[in-house]
């Protein structure tokens, strides 16, 4: 059963995840990245286990999207190590990471002018080397589950921004990811669409995927994650369960400018 098979249009009931005791899908060890003299990411270490959903929060410019780019392989770290399922992928090209099962939904989704929305989801499964009819059925099921079936023959660039965002998340989830990276998945979406994305995340989690979510809409993010990491100036300022981080001094300082001596 695929993630798409787990989704039933408008009837999936979102359930907050429980912390998994399975093996680590992703391990970052002292990962750093610079843009010239600017340290965007500084000695970040974290772990994500199979079936866990981890939230990355922090103010603008904290290094959240850069961290996702390092994991996805569109940027290489200046130092540190990135492991995926115990394999060192620190300098592995992004296309190879996709084949391994690392899928990234972008903050600003790209558009491929020659593809329809349906073809966009079919192509996202090419690395699975499965029967084309299975890929099409999976793509159609995902489109239907997110209320996008009416756009199946339209080019993604012709979709409204919120529907284009949904389509890119569907693309990332379609190919049976082992690690799902989501960069501000709720940005610009209605409450109804947010519920749809929460259901996609829950379905991916139930299939054993590790999930890393960067998001500013904390009210929608926090109930669905097992752990939270607070980034400030490219560094991990706090990490752990939601309550301990949100009631900590570093969170208060990052979001309110108070609490730090």
C-alpha atoms as a PDB file:
ATOM      1  CA  UNK A   1       0.000   0.000   0.000  1.00  0.00           C
ATOM      2  CA  UNK A   2       1.300   3.454  -0.950  1.00  0.00           C
ATOM      3  CA  UNK A   3       0.884   6.747   0.880  1.00  0.00           C
ATOM      4  CA  UNK A   4      -1.755   7.701  -1.676  1.00  0.00           C
ATOM      5  CA  UNK A   5      -3.672   4.497  -0.923  1.00  0.00           C
ATOM      6  CA  UNK A   6      -3.827   5.518   2.731  1.00  0.00           C
ATOM      7  CA  UNK A   7      -5.636   8.726   1.859  1.00  0.00           C
ATOM      8  CA  UNK A   8      -9.359   8.828   1.244  1.00  0.00           C
ATOM      9  CA  UNK A   9     -10.770  12.129   0.026  1.00  0.00           C
ATOM     10  CA  UNK A  10     -11.987  14.290   2.919  1.00  0.00           C
ATOM     11  CA  UNK A  11     -12.379  11.313   5.273  1.00  0.00           C
ATOM     12  CA  UNK A  12      -8.892  10.783   6.681  1.00  0.00           C
ATOM     13  CA  UNK A  13      -8.825  11.618  10.369  1.00  0.00           C
ATOM     14  CA  UNK A  14      -5.561  13.271  11.384  1.00  0.00           C
ATOM     15  CA  UNK A  15      -3.932  11.745  14.430  1.00  0.00           C
ATOM     16  CA  UNK A  16      -0.981  13.275  16.223  1.00  0.00           C
ATOM     17  CA  UNK A  17       2.021  10.943  15.932  1.00  0.00           C
ATOM     18  CA  UNK A  18       3.594   9.018  18.754  1.00  0.00           C
ATOM     19  CA  UNK A  19       7.330   8.924  19.133  1.00  0.00           C
ATOM     20  CA  UNK A  20       8.907   6.041  17.241  1.00  0.00           C
ATOM     21  CA  UNK A  21      11.416   3.656  18.738  1.00  0.00           C
ATOM     22  CA  UNK A  22      12.686   2.560  15.323  1.00  0.00           C
ATOM     23  CA  UNK A  23      16.109   3.185  13.825  1.00  0.00           C
ATOM     24  CA  UNK A  24      17.482   6.555  12.811  1.00  0.00           C
ATOM     25  CA  UNK A  25      16.661   7.557   9.243  1.00  0.00           C
ATOM     26  CA  UNK A  26      18.698  10.764   9.307  1.00  0.00           C
ATOM     27  CA  UNK A  27      21.703  11.756  11.413  1.00  0.00           C
ATOM     28  CA  UNK A  28      23.448  15.127  11.183  1.00  0.00           C
ATOM     29  CA  UNK A  29      26.783  15.482  12.972  1.00  0.00           C
ATOM     30  CA  UNK A  30      28.171  19.012  13.425  1.00  0.00           C
ATOM     31  CA  UNK A  31      26.979  20.189  10.007  1.00  0.00           C
ATOM     32  CA  UNK A  32      27.980  23.729   9.002  1.00  0.00           C
ATOM     33  CA  UNK A  33      27.596  25.910   5.911  1.00  0.00           C
ATOM     34  CA  UNK A  34      28.817  29.394   5.028  1.00  0.00           C
ATOM     35  CA  UNK A  35      27.882  31.933   2.379  1.00  0.00           C
ATOM     36  CA  UNK A  36      31.176  33.764   2.103  1.00  0.00           C
ATOM     37  CA  UNK A  37      31.846  35.005   5.609  1.00  0.00           C
ATOM     38  CA  UNK A  38      28.286  34.453   6.796  1.00  0.00           C
ATOM     39  CA  UNK A  39      27.644  31.288   8.813  1.00  0.00           C
ATOM     40  CA  UNK A  40      24.159  30.170   7.722  1.00  0.00           C
ATOM     41  CA  UNK A  41      24.347  26.836   9.575  1.00  0.00           C
ATOM     42  CA  UNK A  42      26.681  26.278  12.530  1.00  0.00           C
ATOM     43  CA  UNK A  43      27.580  22.824  13.890  1.00  0.00           C
ATOM     44  CA  UNK A  44      24.020  21.448  13.727  1.00  0.00           C
ATOM     45  CA  UNK A  45      23.493  17.914  15.033  1.00  0.00           C
ATOM     46  CA  UNK A  46      20.151  16.123  15.033  1.00  0.00           C
ATOM     47  CA  UNK A  47      18.521  12.730  14.511  1.00  0.00           C
ATOM     48  CA  UNK A  48      15.227  11.683  12.951  1.00  0.00           C
ATOM     49  CA  UNK A  49      13.869   8.184  13.453  1.00  0.00           C
ATOM     50  CA  UNK A  50      11.559   6.196  11.209  1.00  0.00           C
ATOM     51  CA  UNK A  51       7.959   7.255  11.787  1.00  0.00           C
ATOM     52  CA  UNK A  52       8.899  10.472  13.601  1.00  0.00           C
ATOM     53  CA  UNK A  53       7.961  14.015  12.607  1.00  0.00           C
ATOM     54  CA  UNK A  54      10.406  16.723  13.681  1.00  0.00           C
ATOM     55  CA  UNK A  55       9.659  20.428  13.392  1.00  0.00           C
ATOM     56  CA  UNK A  56      12.308  23.047  12.656  1.00  0.00           C
ATOM     57  CA  UNK A  57      11.312  26.491  13.894  1.00  0.00           C
ATOM     58  CA  UNK A  58      13.052  29.818  14.286  1.00  0.00           C
ATOM     59  CA  UNK A  59      12.961  33.428  13.102  1.00  0.00           C
ATOM     60  CA  UNK A  60      13.582  34.454   9.503  1.00  0.00           C
ATOM     61  CA  UNK A  61      17.224  34.039   8.536  1.00  0.00           C
ATOM     62  CA  UNK A  62      17.859  31.350  11.136  1.00  0.00           C
ATOM     63  CA  UNK A  63      19.153  28.860   8.537  1.00  0.00           C
ATOM     64  CA  UNK A  64      16.115  26.583   8.350  1.00  0.00           C
ATOM     65  CA  UNK A  65      15.786  26.369   4.563  1.00  0.00           C
ATOM     66  CA  UNK A  66      19.555  26.154   4.156  1.00  0.00           C
ATOM     67  CA  UNK A  67      19.556  23.163   6.487  1.00  0.00           C
ATOM     68  CA  UNK A  68      16.978  21.417   4.282  1.00  0.00           C
ATOM     69  CA  UNK A  69      19.087  22.202   1.207  1.00  0.00           C
ATOM     70  CA  UNK A  70      22.103  20.542   2.855  1.00  0.00           C
ATOM     71  CA  UNK A  71      20.068  17.425   3.601  1.00  0.00           C
ATOM     72  CA  UNK A  72      18.577  17.321   0.100  1.00  0.00           C
ATOM     73  CA  UNK A  73      21.990  17.840  -1.492  1.00  0.00           C
ATOM     74  CA  UNK A  74      21.416  21.069  -3.413  1.00  0.00           C
ATOM     75  CA  UNK A  75      24.134  22.532  -1.205  1.00  0.00           C
ATOM     76  CA  UNK A  76      27.118  20.779   0.355  1.00  0.00           C
ATOM     77  CA  UNK A  77      28.207  21.412   3.941  1.00  0.00           C
ATOM     78  CA  UNK A  78      31.513  23.103   4.623  1.00  0.00           C
ATOM     79  CA  UNK A  79      32.021  20.627   7.462  1.00  0.00           C
ATOM     80  CA  UNK A  80      30.211  17.851   9.266  1.00  0.00           C
ATOM     81  CA  UNK A  81      28.595  14.570   8.274  1.00  0.00           C
ATOM     82  CA  UNK A  82      25.129  13.628   6.988  1.00  0.00           C
ATOM     83  CA  UNK A  83      23.975  10.018   7.291  1.00  0.00           C
ATOM     84  CA  UNK A  84      20.833   8.528   5.738  1.00  0.00           C
ATOM     85  CA  UNK A  85      19.951   5.027   6.924  1.00  0.00           C
ATOM     86  CA  UNK A  86      23.560   4.625   8.124  1.00  0.00           C
ATOM     87  CA  UNK A  87      24.958   5.641   4.708  1.00  0.00           C
ATOM     88  CA  UNK A  88      27.226   8.669   4.438  1.00  0.00           C
ATOM     89  CA  UNK A  89      25.560  11.002   1.916  1.00  0.00           C
ATOM     90  CA  UNK A  90      27.442  14.195   2.824  1.00  0.00           C
ATOM     91  CA  UNK A  91      28.624  14.849  -0.757  1.00  0.00           C
ATOM     92  CA  UNK A  92      26.134  12.657  -2.645  1.00  0.00           C
ATOM     93  CA  UNK A  93      24.415  14.491  -5.545  1.00  0.00           C
ATOM     94  CA  UNK A  94      20.739  15.395  -5.016  1.00  0.00           C
ATOM     95  CA  UNK A  95      19.452  13.029  -7.710  1.00  0.00           C
ATOM     96  CA  UNK A  96      21.134  10.128  -5.946  1.00  0.00           C
ATOM     97  CA  UNK A  97      19.539  11.156  -2.666  1.00  0.00           C
ATOM     98  CA  UNK A  98      16.126  11.100  -4.347  1.00  0.00           C
ATOM     99  CA  UNK A  99      16.776   7.555  -5.543  1.00  0.00           C
ATOM    100  CA  UNK A 100      17.649   6.593  -1.968  1.00  0.00           C
ATOM    101  CA  UNK A 101      14.331   8.040  -0.754  1.00  0.00           C
ATOM    102  CA  UNK A 102      15.010  11.651   0.315  1.00  0.00           C
ATOM    103  CA  UNK A 103      12.214  13.808  -1.090  1.00  0.00           C
ATOM    104  CA  UNK A 104      11.963  17.581  -0.670  1.00  0.00           C
ATOM    105  CA  UNK A 105       8.933  19.828  -1.139  1.00  0.00           C
ATOM    106  CA  UNK A 106      10.176  23.325  -1.870  1.00  0.00           C
ATOM    107  CA  UNK A 107       9.141  26.572  -0.247  1.00  0.00           C
ATOM    108  CA  UNK A 108       8.663  27.971  -3.769  1.00  0.00           C
ATOM    109  CA  UNK A 109       7.737  25.003  -6.008  1.00  0.00           C
ATOM    110  CA  UNK A 110       9.384  24.862  -9.454  1.00  0.00           C
ATOM    111  CA  UNK A 111       7.278  24.590 -12.588  1.00  0.00           C
ATOM    112  CA  UNK A 112       7.970  22.250 -15.496  1.00  0.00           C
ATOM    113  CA  UNK A 113       6.234  23.820 -18.504  1.00  0.00           C
ATOM    114  CA  UNK A 114       5.996  20.645 -20.590  1.00  0.00           C
ATOM    115  CA  UNK A 115       4.255  18.497 -17.944  1.00  0.00           C
ATOM    116  CA  UNK A 116       0.664  18.293 -16.801  1.00  0.00           C
ATOM    117  CA  UNK A 117      -0.083  17.965 -13.101  1.00  0.00           C
ATOM    118  CA  UNK A 118      -0.724  14.251 -13.538  1.00  0.00           C
ATOM    119  CA  UNK A 119       2.531  13.755 -15.445  1.00  0.00           C
ATOM    120  CA  UNK A 120       4.368  15.745 -12.768  1.00  0.00           C
ATOM    121  CA  UNK A 121       3.345  13.153 -10.158  1.00  0.00           C
ATOM    122  CA  UNK A 122       4.033  10.233 -12.480  1.00  0.00           C
ATOM    123  CA  UNK A 123       7.578  11.424 -13.190  1.00  0.00           C
ATOM    124  CA  UNK A 124       8.213  11.804  -9.462  1.00  0.00           C
ATOM    125  CA  UNK A 125       7.934   8.022  -9.168  1.00  0.00           C
ATOM    126  CA  UNK A 126      10.339   7.169 -12.020  1.00  0.00           C
ATOM    127  CA  UNK A 127      13.097   6.134  -9.602  1.00  0.00           C
ATOM    128  CA  UNK A 128      10.859   3.310  -8.314  1.00  0.00           C
ATOM    129  CA  UNK A 129      11.030   1.573 -11.730  1.00  0.00           C
ATOM    130  CA  UNK A 130       7.471   0.320 -11.352  1.00  0.00           C
ATOM    131  CA  UNK A 131       4.762  -0.412 -13.898  1.00  0.00           C
ATOM    132  CA  UNK A 132       3.593   2.887 -15.488  1.00  0.00           C
ATOM    133  CA  UNK A 133      -0.025   1.967 -14.785  1.00  0.00           C
ATOM    134  CA  UNK A 134       0.779   1.750 -11.057  1.00  0.00           C
ATOM    135  CA  UNK A 135       2.503   5.133 -11.141  1.00  0.00           C
ATOM    136  CA  UNK A 136      -0.525   6.668 -12.878  1.00  0.00           C
ATOM    137  CA  UNK A 137      -2.963   5.112 -10.406  1.00  0.00           C
ATOM    138  CA  UNK A 138      -0.894   6.413  -7.487  1.00  0.00           C
ATOM    139  CA  UNK A 139      -0.731   9.886  -9.025  1.00  0.00           C
ATOM    140  CA  UNK A 140      -4.477   9.973  -9.658  1.00  0.00           C
ATOM    141  CA  UNK A 141      -5.198   8.812  -6.116  1.00  0.00           C
ATOM    142  CA  UNK A 142      -2.970  11.522  -4.658  1.00  0.00           C
ATOM    143  CA  UNK A 143      -4.563  14.218  -6.823  1.00  0.00           C
ATOM    144  CA  UNK A 144      -8.013  13.103  -5.733  1.00  0.00           C
ATOM    145  CA  UNK A 145      -7.083  12.989  -2.046  1.00  0.00           C
ATOM    146  CA  UNK A 146      -5.905  16.618  -2.157  1.00  0.00           C
ATOM    147  CA  UNK A 147      -8.822  17.884  -4.212  1.00  0.00           C
ATOM    148  CA  UNK A 148      -6.619  18.437  -7.269  1.00  0.00           C
ATOM    149  CA  UNK A 149      -8.204  15.918  -9.654  1.00  0.00           C
ATOM    150  CA  UNK A 150      -9.823  18.733 -11.664  1.00  0.00           C
ATOM    151  CA  UNK A 151      -6.316  20.032 -12.440  1.00  0.00           C
ATOM    152  CA  UNK A 152      -4.860  16.722 -13.664  1.00  0.00           C
ATOM    153  CA  UNK A 153      -4.572  17.866 -17.288  1.00  0.00           C
ATOM    154  CA  UNK A 154      -3.442  21.407 -16.496  1.00  0.00           C
ATOM    155  CA  UNK A 155       0.137  22.625 -16.360  1.00  0.00           C
ATOM    156  CA  UNK A 156       1.363  23.314 -12.799  1.00  0.00           C
ATOM    157  CA  UNK A 157       2.341  26.858 -13.775  1.00  0.00           C
ATOM    158  CA  UNK A 158      -1.345  27.547 -14.564  1.00  0.00           C
ATOM    159  CA  UNK A 159      -2.518  26.507 -11.096  1.00  0.00           C
ATOM    160  CA  UNK A 160      -3.311  29.020  -8.324  1.00  0.00           C
ATOM    161  CA  UNK A 161      -0.374  29.355  -5.882  1.00  0.00           C
ATOM    162  CA  UNK A 162      -2.018  27.315  -3.098  1.00  0.00           C
ATOM    163  CA  UNK A 163      -2.889  24.447  -5.459  1.00  0.00           C
ATOM    164  CA  UNK A 164       0.632  24.524  -6.895  1.00  0.00           C
ATOM    165  CA  UNK A 165       1.937  24.172  -3.325  1.00  0.00           C
ATOM    166  CA  UNK A 166      -0.346  21.184  -2.716  1.00  0.00           C
ATOM    167  CA  UNK A 167       0.815  19.594  -5.957  1.00  0.00           C
ATOM    168  CA  UNK A 168       4.482  19.875  -5.008  1.00  0.00           C
ATOM    169  CA  UNK A 169       3.825  18.276  -1.621  1.00  0.00           C
ATOM    170  CA  UNK A 170       1.955  15.501  -3.425  1.00  0.00           C
ATOM    171  CA  UNK A 171       4.969  15.085  -5.722  1.00  0.00           C
ATOM    172  CA  UNK A 172       7.311  14.701  -2.742  1.00  0.00           C
ATOM    173  CA  UNK A 173       5.026  12.188  -1.021  1.00  0.00           C
ATOM    174  CA  UNK A 174       4.202  10.159  -4.136  1.00  0.00           C
ATOM    175  CA  UNK A 175       7.494   8.327  -4.508  1.00  0.00           C
ATOM    176  CA  UNK A 176       7.490   6.340  -1.243  1.00  0.00           C
ATOM    177  CA  UNK A 177       9.961   8.573   0.635  1.00  0.00           C
ATOM    178  CA  UNK A 178      12.110   7.309   3.463  1.00  0.00           C
ATOM    179  CA  UNK A 179      12.690  10.923   4.481  1.00  0.00           C
ATOM    180  CA  UNK A 180      10.235  13.695   3.645  1.00  0.00           C
ATOM    181  CA  UNK A 181      11.503  17.288   3.808  1.00  0.00           C
ATOM    182  CA  UNK A 182       8.805  19.972   3.852  1.00  0.00           C
ATOM    183  CA  UNK A 183       9.695  23.664   3.627  1.00  0.00           C
ATOM    184  CA  UNK A 184       6.797  25.783   4.934  1.00  0.00           C
ATOM    185  CA  UNK A 185       4.094  23.368   3.686  1.00  0.00           C
ATOM    186  CA  UNK A 186       1.239  25.394   5.213  1.00  0.00           C
ATOM    187  CA  UNK A 187       2.248  28.792   3.784  1.00  0.00           C
ATOM    188  CA  UNK A 188      -0.612  30.349   1.836  1.00  0.00           C
ATOM    189  CA  UNK A 189      -2.995  27.443   2.432  1.00  0.00           C
ATOM    190  CA  UNK A 190      -6.503  27.569   3.838  1.00  0.00           C
ATOM    191  CA  UNK A 191      -7.361  25.721   7.048  1.00  0.00           C
ATOM    192  CA  UNK A 192      -9.080  23.072   4.943  1.00  0.00           C
ATOM    193  CA  UNK A 193      -5.964  22.570   2.803  1.00  0.00           C
ATOM    194  CA  UNK A 194      -3.782  22.442   5.916  1.00  0.00           C
ATOM    195  CA  UNK A 195      -5.846  19.472   7.130  1.00  0.00           C
ATOM    196  CA  UNK A 196      -5.213  17.742   3.804  1.00  0.00           C
ATOM    197  CA  UNK A 197      -1.456  18.214   4.202  1.00  0.00           C
ATOM    198  CA  UNK A 198      -1.580  17.013   7.798  1.00  0.00           C
ATOM    199  CA  UNK A 199      -3.232  13.843   6.508  1.00  0.00           C
ATOM    200  CA  UNK A 200      -0.490  13.368   3.914  1.00  0.00           C
ATOM    201  CA  UNK A 201       2.144  13.766   6.639  1.00  0.00           C
ATOM    202  CA  UNK A 202       0.343  11.295   8.888  1.00  0.00           C
ATOM    203  CA  UNK A 203       0.092   8.773   6.040  1.00  0.00           C
ATOM    204  CA  UNK A 204       3.820   9.126   5.276  1.00  0.00           C
ATOM    205  CA  UNK A 205       4.647   8.749   8.966  1.00  0.00           C
ATOM    206  CA  UNK A 206       2.501   5.628   9.238  1.00  0.00           C
ATOM    207  CA  UNK A 207       4.495   4.153   6.343  1.00  0.00           C
ATOM    208  CA  UNK A 208       7.698   4.614   8.338  1.00  0.00           C
ATOM    209  CA  UNK A 209       9.030   7.787   6.743  1.00  0.00           C
ATOM    210  CA  UNK A 210      11.004  10.230   8.827  1.00  0.00           C
ATOM    211  CA  UNK A 211       9.640  13.744   8.353  1.00  0.00           C
ATOM    212  CA  UNK A 212      11.357  17.104   8.814  1.00  0.00           C
ATOM    213  CA  UNK A 213       9.111  20.160   8.621  1.00  0.00           C
ATOM    214  CA  UNK A 214      10.158  23.819   8.516  1.00  0.00           C
ATOM    215  CA  UNK A 215       7.150  25.968   9.368  1.00  0.00           C
ATOM    216  CA  UNK A 216       6.179  29.359  10.820  1.00  0.00           C
ATOM    217  CA  UNK A 217       2.521  28.488  11.475  1.00  0.00           C
ATOM    218  CA  UNK A 218       3.202  26.999  14.889  1.00  0.00           C
ATOM    219  CA  UNK A 219      -0.447  26.411  15.817  1.00  0.00           C
ATOM    220  CA  UNK A 220      -0.771  23.962  12.906  1.00  0.00           C
ATOM    221  CA  UNK A 221       2.724  22.476  13.241  1.00  0.00           C
ATOM    222  CA  UNK A 222       3.150  21.758  16.937  1.00  0.00           C
ATOM    223  CA  UNK A 223       0.292  19.252  17.501  1.00  0.00           C
ATOM    224  CA  UNK A 224       1.623  16.930  14.794  1.00  0.00           C
ATOM    225  CA  UNK A 225       5.318  16.706  15.664  1.00  0.00           C
ATOM    226  CA  UNK A 226       7.204  14.437  18.027  1.00  0.00           C
ATOM    227  CA  UNK A 227      10.140  16.790  18.580  1.00  0.00           C
ATOM    228  CA  UNK A 228      11.024  20.397  17.824  1.00  0.00           C
ATOM    229  CA  UNK A 229      14.349  22.040  17.017  1.00  0.00           C
ATOM    230  CA  UNK A 230      14.757  25.796  17.483  1.00  0.00           C
ATOM    231  CA  UNK A 231      17.330  27.380  15.178  1.00  0.00           C
ATOM    232  CA  UNK A 232      18.707  30.838  15.920  1.00  0.00           C
ATOM    233  CA  UNK A 233      21.524  32.360  13.843  1.00  0.00           C
ATOM    234  CA  UNK A 234      22.195  28.965  12.259  1.00  0.00           C
ATOM    235  CA  UNK A 235      22.662  27.180  15.575  1.00  0.00           C
ATOM    236  CA  UNK A 236      20.478  24.811  17.577  1.00  0.00           C
ATOM    237  CA  UNK A 237      19.309  27.032  20.423  1.00  0.00           C
ATOM    238  CA  UNK A 238      16.996  24.386  21.882  1.00  0.00           C
ATOM    239  CA  UNK A 239      15.747  20.900  21.004  1.00  0.00           C
ATOM    240  CA  UNK A 240      13.460  18.312  22.549  1.00  0.00           C
ATOM    241  CA  UNK A 241       9.770  17.787  23.201  1.00  0.00           C
ATOM    242  CA  UNK A 242       7.390  20.600  22.314  1.00  0.00           C
ATOM    243  CA  UNK A 243       6.522  21.696  25.847  1.00  0.00           C
ATOM    244  CA  UNK A 244      10.108  21.972  27.054  1.00  0.00           C
ATOM    245  CA  UNK A 245      11.225  24.002  24.044  1.00  0.00           C
ATOM    246  CA  UNK A 246       8.216  26.334  23.961  1.00  0.00           C
ATOM    247  CA  UNK A 247       8.497  27.107  27.646  1.00  0.00           C
ATOM    248  CA  UNK A 248      12.256  27.627  27.500  1.00  0.00           C
ATOM    249  CA  UNK A 249      14.096  30.945  27.683  1.00  0.00           C
ATOM    250  CA  UNK A 250      15.637  30.552  24.204  1.00  0.00           C
ATOM    251  CA  UNK A 251      12.200  30.300  22.579  1.00  0.00           C
ATOM    252  CA  UNK A 252      11.006  33.379  24.454  1.00  0.00           C
ATOM    253  CA  UNK A 253      14.076  35.317  23.310  1.00  0.00           C
ATOM    254  CA  UNK A 254      13.843  34.157  19.683  1.00  0.00           C
ATOM    255  CA  UNK A 255      10.178  35.076  19.309  1.00  0.00           C
ATOM    256  CA  UNK A 256       9.735  37.849  21.829  1.00  0.00           C
ATOM    257  CA  UNK A 257      13.159  39.293  22.520  1.00  0.00           C
ATOM    258  CA  UNK A 258      12.928  38.425  26.217  1.00  0.00           C
ATOM    259  CA  UNK A 259      14.182  35.762  28.530  1.00  0.00           C
ATOM    260  CA  UNK A 260      17.919  35.713  27.848  1.00  0.00           C
ATOM    261  CA  UNK A 261      20.287  37.058  30.460  1.00  0.00           C
END
